[in-house]
C-alpha atoms as a PDB file:
ATOM      1  CA  MET A   1      98.186  13.592 161.410  1.00  0.00           C
ATOM      2  CA  LEU A   2      97.903  10.018 162.765  1.00  0.00           C
ATOM      3  CA  ILE A   3      98.629   7.040 160.514  1.00  0.00           C
ATOM      4  CA  PRO A   4      94.918   6.175 160.545  1.00  0.00           C
ATOM      5  CA  GLU A   5      93.807   9.498 159.457  1.00  0.00           C
ATOM      6  CA  ALA A   6      96.426   9.393 156.629  1.00  0.00           C
ATOM      7  CA  VAL A   7      95.150   5.983 155.479  1.00  0.00           C
ATOM      8  CA  GLU A   8      91.654   7.270 155.450  1.00  0.00           C
ATOM      9  CA  LEU A   9      92.611  10.165 153.263  1.00  0.00           C
ATOM     10  CA  VAL A  10      94.344   7.735 150.681  1.00  0.00           C
ATOM     11  CA  LEU A  11      91.434   5.242 150.838  1.00  0.00           C
ATOM     12  CA  GLN A  12      88.970   8.130 150.195  1.00  0.00           C
ATOM     13  CA  ALA A  13      91.077   9.498 147.335  1.00  0.00           C
ATOM     14  CA  SER A  14      91.050   5.949 145.805  1.00  0.00           C
ATOM     15  CA  ALA A  15      87.374   5.616 145.923  1.00  0.00           C
ATOM     16  CA  MET A  16      87.064   8.961 144.029  1.00  0.00           C
ATOM     17  CA  ALA A  17      89.451   8.113 141.236  1.00  0.00           C
ATOM     18  CA  GLU A  18      87.934   7.812 137.830  1.00  0.00           C
ATOM     19  CA  HIS A  19      90.414   8.715 135.027  1.00  0.00           C
ATOM     20  CA  GLY A  20      93.958   8.816 136.397  1.00  0.00           C
ATOM     21  CA  GLU A  21      93.482  12.013 138.514  1.00  0.00           C
ATOM     22  CA  ILE A  22      96.320  13.405 140.450  1.00  0.00           C
ATOM     23  CA  PHE A  23      95.154  13.539 144.088  1.00  0.00           C
ATOM     24  CA  ILE A  24      96.991  16.036 146.518  1.00  0.00           C
ATOM     25  CA  LEU A  25      96.515  15.054 150.351  1.00  0.00           C
ATOM     26  CA  ASP A  26      96.756  17.490 153.053  1.00  0.00           C
ATOM     27  CA  MET A  27      98.808  15.497 155.571  1.00  0.00           C
ATOM     28  CA  GLY A  28      98.955  18.529 158.134  1.00  0.00           C
ATOM     29  CA  GLN A  29     102.222  20.121 159.230  1.00  0.00           C
ATOM     30  CA  PRO A  30     105.494  18.889 157.833  1.00  0.00           C
ATOM     31  CA  VAL A  31     107.616  16.902 159.903  1.00  0.00           C
ATOM     32  CA  LYS A  32     111.272  18.135 160.609  1.00  0.00           C
ATOM     33  CA  ILE A  33     113.898  15.647 159.555  1.00  0.00           C
ATOM     34  CA  VAL A  34     115.788  16.278 162.838  1.00  0.00           C
ATOM     35  CA  ASP A  35     112.762  15.559 165.049  1.00  0.00           C
ATOM     36  CA  LEU A  36     112.327  12.417 162.980  1.00  0.00           C
ATOM     37  CA  ALA A  37     115.983  11.350 163.420  1.00  0.00           C
ATOM     38  CA  ARG A  38     115.867  11.987 167.162  1.00  0.00           C
ATOM     39  CA  GLN A  39     112.778   9.907 167.551  1.00  0.00           C
ATOM     40  CA  LEU A  40     114.254   6.952 165.508  1.00  0.00           C
ATOM     41  CA  ILE A  41     117.584   7.198 167.700  1.00  0.00           C
ATOM     42  CA  PHE A  42     115.289   7.227 170.857  1.00  0.00           C
ATOM     43  CA  MET A  43     113.211   4.254 169.902  1.00  0.00           C
ATOM     44  CA  SER A  44     116.244   2.215 168.923  1.00  0.00           C
ATOM     45  CA  GLY A  45     117.240   2.429 172.585  1.00  0.00           C
ATOM     46  CA  ASN A  46     119.891   5.281 172.252  1.00  0.00           C
ATOM     47  CA  VAL A  47     120.106   8.796 173.264  1.00  0.00           C
ATOM     48  CA  PRO A  48     120.165  11.295 170.656  1.00  0.00           C
ATOM     49  CA  ASP A  49     123.526  13.528 170.694  1.00  0.00           C
ATOM     50  CA  GLN A  50     125.037  11.277 173.280  1.00  0.00           C
ATOM     51  CA  ASP A  51     124.887   7.604 171.791  1.00  0.00           C
ATOM     52  CA  ILE A  52     124.461   8.843 168.340  1.00  0.00           C
ATOM     53  CA  ALA A  53     125.144  12.313 167.036  1.00  0.00           C
ATOM     54  CA  ILE A  54     123.094  14.073 164.448  1.00  0.00           C
ATOM     55  CA  GLU A  55     125.234  15.875 161.814  1.00  0.00           C
ATOM     56  CA  PHE A  56     124.026  18.880 159.763  1.00  0.00           C
ATOM     57  CA  THR A  57     125.458  18.890 156.375  1.00  0.00           C
ATOM     58  CA  GLY A  58     123.376  21.376 154.649  1.00  0.00           C
ATOM     59  CA  LEU A  59     121.622  21.040 151.210  1.00  0.00           C
ATOM     60  CA  ARG A  60     123.275  19.168 148.687  1.00  0.00           C
ATOM     61  CA  PRO A  61     123.275  20.246 144.994  1.00  0.00           C
ATOM     62  CA  GLY A  62     119.712  19.855 143.538  1.00  0.00           C
ATOM     63  CA  GLU A  63     118.049  19.625 146.926  1.00  0.00           C
ATOM     64  CA  LYS A  64     115.239  21.920 148.059  1.00  0.00           C
ATOM     65  CA  ILE A  65     113.857  23.019 151.340  1.00  0.00           C
ATOM     66  CA  TYR A  66     110.421  23.398 149.990  1.00  0.00           C
ATOM     67  CA  GLU A  67     108.995  21.282 147.221  1.00  0.00           C
ATOM     68  CA  GLU A  68     106.416  22.781 144.991  1.00  0.00           C
ATOM     69  CA  LEU A  69     103.985  20.240 144.205  1.00  0.00           C
ATOM     70  CA  LEU A  70     101.804  22.101 141.499  1.00  0.00           C
ATOM     71  CA  LEU A  71     103.372  24.384 139.026  1.00  0.00           C
ATOM     72  CA  ASP A  72     101.009  25.204 135.917  1.00  0.00           C
ATOM     73  CA  GLU A  73      98.505  22.759 136.860  1.00  0.00           C
ATOM     74  CA  SER A  74      95.071  24.011 138.283  1.00  0.00           C
ATOM     75  CA  GLU A  75      94.123  22.825 141.643  1.00  0.00           C
ATOM     76  CA  GLN A  76      90.499  21.905 142.233  1.00  0.00           C
ATOM     77  CA  ARG A  77      88.663  21.182 145.748  1.00  0.00           C
ATOM     78  CA  THR A  78      86.884  17.901 146.127  1.00  0.00           C
ATOM     79  CA  GLN A  79      83.927  17.137 148.274  1.00  0.00           C
ATOM     80  CA  VAL A  80      86.256  15.662 150.979  1.00  0.00           C
ATOM     81  CA  ASP A  81      88.258  18.079 153.318  1.00  0.00           C
ATOM     82  CA  GLY A  82      92.082  17.519 152.781  1.00  0.00           C
ATOM     83  CA  ILE A  83      91.792  16.168 149.378  1.00  0.00           C
ATOM     84  CA  THR A  84      92.375  18.344 146.253  1.00  0.00           C
ATOM     85  CA  VAL A  85      92.663  17.154 142.451  1.00  0.00           C
ATOM     86  CA  ALA A  86      95.480  18.569 140.073  1.00  0.00           C
ATOM     87  CA  ARG A  87      94.166  19.163 136.685  1.00  0.00           C
ATOM     88  CA  PRO A  88      97.306  19.017 134.476  1.00  0.00           C
ATOM     89  CA  THR A  89      98.075  21.272 131.252  1.00  0.00           C
ATOM     90  CA  ASN A  90      98.384  19.423 128.288  1.00  0.00           C
ATOM     91  CA  VAL A  91     100.767  20.511 125.528  1.00  0.00           C
ATOM     92  CA  PRO A  92     100.371  19.513 121.488  1.00  0.00           C
ATOM     93  CA  TRP A  93     102.487  16.533 120.668  1.00  0.00           C
ATOM     94  CA  ASP A  94     104.203  18.417 117.903  1.00  0.00           C
ATOM     95  CA  TRP A  95     105.151  21.178 120.127  1.00  0.00           C
ATOM     96  CA  LEU A  96     106.764  18.671 122.389  1.00  0.00           C
ATOM     97  CA  ASP A  97     108.415  16.610 119.726  1.00  0.00           C
ATOM     98  CA  HIS A  98     110.016  19.926 118.389  1.00  0.00           C
ATOM     99  CA  ARG A  99     111.442  20.915 121.770  1.00  0.00           C
ATOM    100  CA  VAL A 100     112.809  17.483 122.521  1.00  0.00           C
ATOM    101  CA  GLU A 101     114.535  17.232 118.982  1.00  0.00           C
ATOM    102  CA  ALA A 102     116.031  20.622 119.717  1.00  0.00           C
ATOM    103  CA  LEU A 103     117.268  19.439 123.042  1.00  0.00           C
ATOM    104  CA  LEU A 104     118.701  16.430 121.376  1.00  0.00           C
ATOM    105  CA  LYS A 105     120.445  18.546 118.849  1.00  0.00           C
ATOM    106  CA  ALA A 106     122.031  20.773 121.514  1.00  0.00           C
ATOM    107  CA  CYS A 107     123.338  17.778 123.326  1.00  0.00           C
ATOM    108  CA  THR A 108     124.811  16.247 120.236  1.00  0.00           C
ATOM    109  CA  ARG A 109     126.477  19.695 119.443  1.00  0.00           C
ATOM    110  CA  GLN A 110     127.618  19.903 122.955  1.00  0.00           C
ATOM    111  CA  ASP A 111     125.853  23.392 123.317  1.00  0.00           C
ATOM    112  CA  LEU A 112     125.324  24.148 126.881  1.00  0.00           C
ATOM    113  CA  GLU A 113     123.690  27.492 126.129  1.00  0.00           C
ATOM    114  CA  GLY A 114     121.246  25.605 123.570  1.00  0.00           C
ATOM    115  CA  LEU A 115     120.829  23.003 125.996  1.00  0.00           C
ATOM    116  CA  ALA A 116     119.848  25.616 128.813  1.00  0.00           C
ATOM    117  CA  ARG A 117     117.498  27.420 126.505  1.00  0.00           C
ATOM    118  CA  ASN A 118     115.728  24.225 125.435  1.00  0.00           C
ATOM    119  CA  LEU A 119     115.388  22.929 128.982  1.00  0.00           C
ATOM    120  CA  ARG A 120     113.855  26.243 130.243  1.00  0.00           C
ATOM    121  CA  SER A 121     111.344  26.031 127.297  1.00  0.00           C
ATOM    122  CA  LEU A 122     110.309  22.546 128.432  1.00  0.00           C
ATOM    123  CA  VAL A 123     110.469  23.239 132.214  1.00  0.00           C
ATOM    124  CA  HIS A 124     109.839  26.957 132.906  1.00  0.00           C
ATOM    125  CA  GLU A 125     110.783  26.445 136.546  1.00  0.00           C
ATOM    126  CA  TRP A 126     114.202  24.994 135.855  1.00  0.00           C
ATOM    127  CA  THR A 127     117.184  27.167 137.113  1.00  0.00           C
ATOM    128  CA  PRO A 128     120.631  25.817 136.139  1.00  0.00           C
ATOM    129  CA  SER A 129     122.850  24.791 139.185  1.00  0.00           C
ATOM    130  CA  GLU A 130     125.922  26.903 140.054  1.00  0.00           C
ATOM    131  CA  ARG A 131     128.083  24.120 138.481  1.00  0.00           C
ATOM    132  CA  TYR A 132     126.100  24.402 135.227  1.00  0.00           C
ATOM    133  CA  ARG A 133     126.342  28.328 135.328  1.00  0.00           C
ATOM    134  CA  ILE A 134     130.157  28.026 135.800  1.00  0.00           C
ATOM    135  CA  ALA A 135     130.441  25.610 132.937  1.00  0.00           C
ATOM    136  CA  LEU A 136     128.483  27.947 130.822  1.00  0.00           C
ATOM    137  CA  GLN A 137     131.030  30.845 131.424  1.00  0.00           C
ATOM    138  CA  ASP A 138     134.043  28.554 130.950  1.00  0.00           C
ATOM    139  CA  SER A 139     134.440  28.181 127.236  1.00  0.00           C
ATOM    140  CA  GLU A 140     136.639  24.989 127.583  1.00  0.00           C
ATOM    141  CA  VAL A 141     134.036  22.927 129.572  1.00  0.00           C
ATOM    142  CA  GLY A 142     131.542  21.100 127.415  1.00  0.00           C
ATOM    143  CA  VAL A 143     128.871  18.245 127.951  1.00  0.00           C
ATOM    144  CA  THR A 144     130.350  14.940 127.020  1.00  0.00           C
ATOM    145  CA  VAL A 145     127.935  12.630 125.185  1.00  0.00           C
ATOM    146  CA  ALA A 146     128.900   8.902 125.308  1.00  0.00           C
ATOM    147  CA  ALA A 147     126.973   8.008 122.005  1.00  0.00           C
ATOM    148  CA  PRO A 148     125.341  10.170 119.421  1.00  0.00           C
ATOM    149  CA  VAL A 149     121.325  10.033 120.365  1.00  0.00           C
ATOM    150  CA  THR A 150     119.014   9.435 117.414  1.00  0.00           C
ATOM    151  CA  ARG A 151     115.296   9.206 116.986  1.00  0.00           C
ATOM    152  CA  THR A 152     113.639   5.782 116.206  1.00  0.00           C
ATOM    153  CA  GLY A 153     110.022   4.520 115.814  1.00  0.00           C
ATOM    154  CA  THR A 154     106.892   6.188 114.402  1.00  0.00           C
ATOM    155  CA  GLY A 155     103.883   7.777 115.695  1.00  0.00           C
ATOM    156  CA  ASP A 156     102.883   8.083 119.268  1.00  0.00           C
ATOM    157  CA  SER A 157     105.262   5.204 120.383  1.00  0.00           C
ATOM    158  CA  ARG A 158     108.509   7.246 119.562  1.00  0.00           C
ATOM    159  CA  ARG A 159     111.429   6.396 121.882  1.00  0.00           C
ATOM    160  CA  LEU A 160     115.098   7.448 122.413  1.00  0.00           C
ATOM    161  CA  ALA A 161     117.795   5.334 121.365  1.00  0.00           C
ATOM    162  CA  ALA A 162     121.547   5.578 121.526  1.00  0.00           C
ATOM    163  CA  SER A 163     123.183   4.398 118.104  1.00  0.00           C
END
């Protein structure tokens, strides 16, 4: 997709916005990072793989080859080709408050298994890293919390604070 086409999609989506919708723009085929790197090297007056080498290091922890944009949200088409709207799923405040409280307690107790269980209840798609799985298996490895975490505030303005 050309830059003017992408700008047009962004402007059309902004004109359609009413109440904080989440717009997903179809920008066409993904660009390979290696192609982008080669183009940048060439545009800087150098020759790729001669003047500047491109090194492939592989994925780092937490990096993904494919990023899933929508999880539980439903996607709706709009009247404009290339623009869809995500309708997020809302959760009750009491449920979320209870889950976050359980997560904080697991952190305070340095309970890796409880931490994983509570994280998964909040983010169903979460999978622990290899490092985390090893820590779960090793009974001597724990999560170090710099300061105990407590809840402060009231109502919807709740926030986390270290004490």
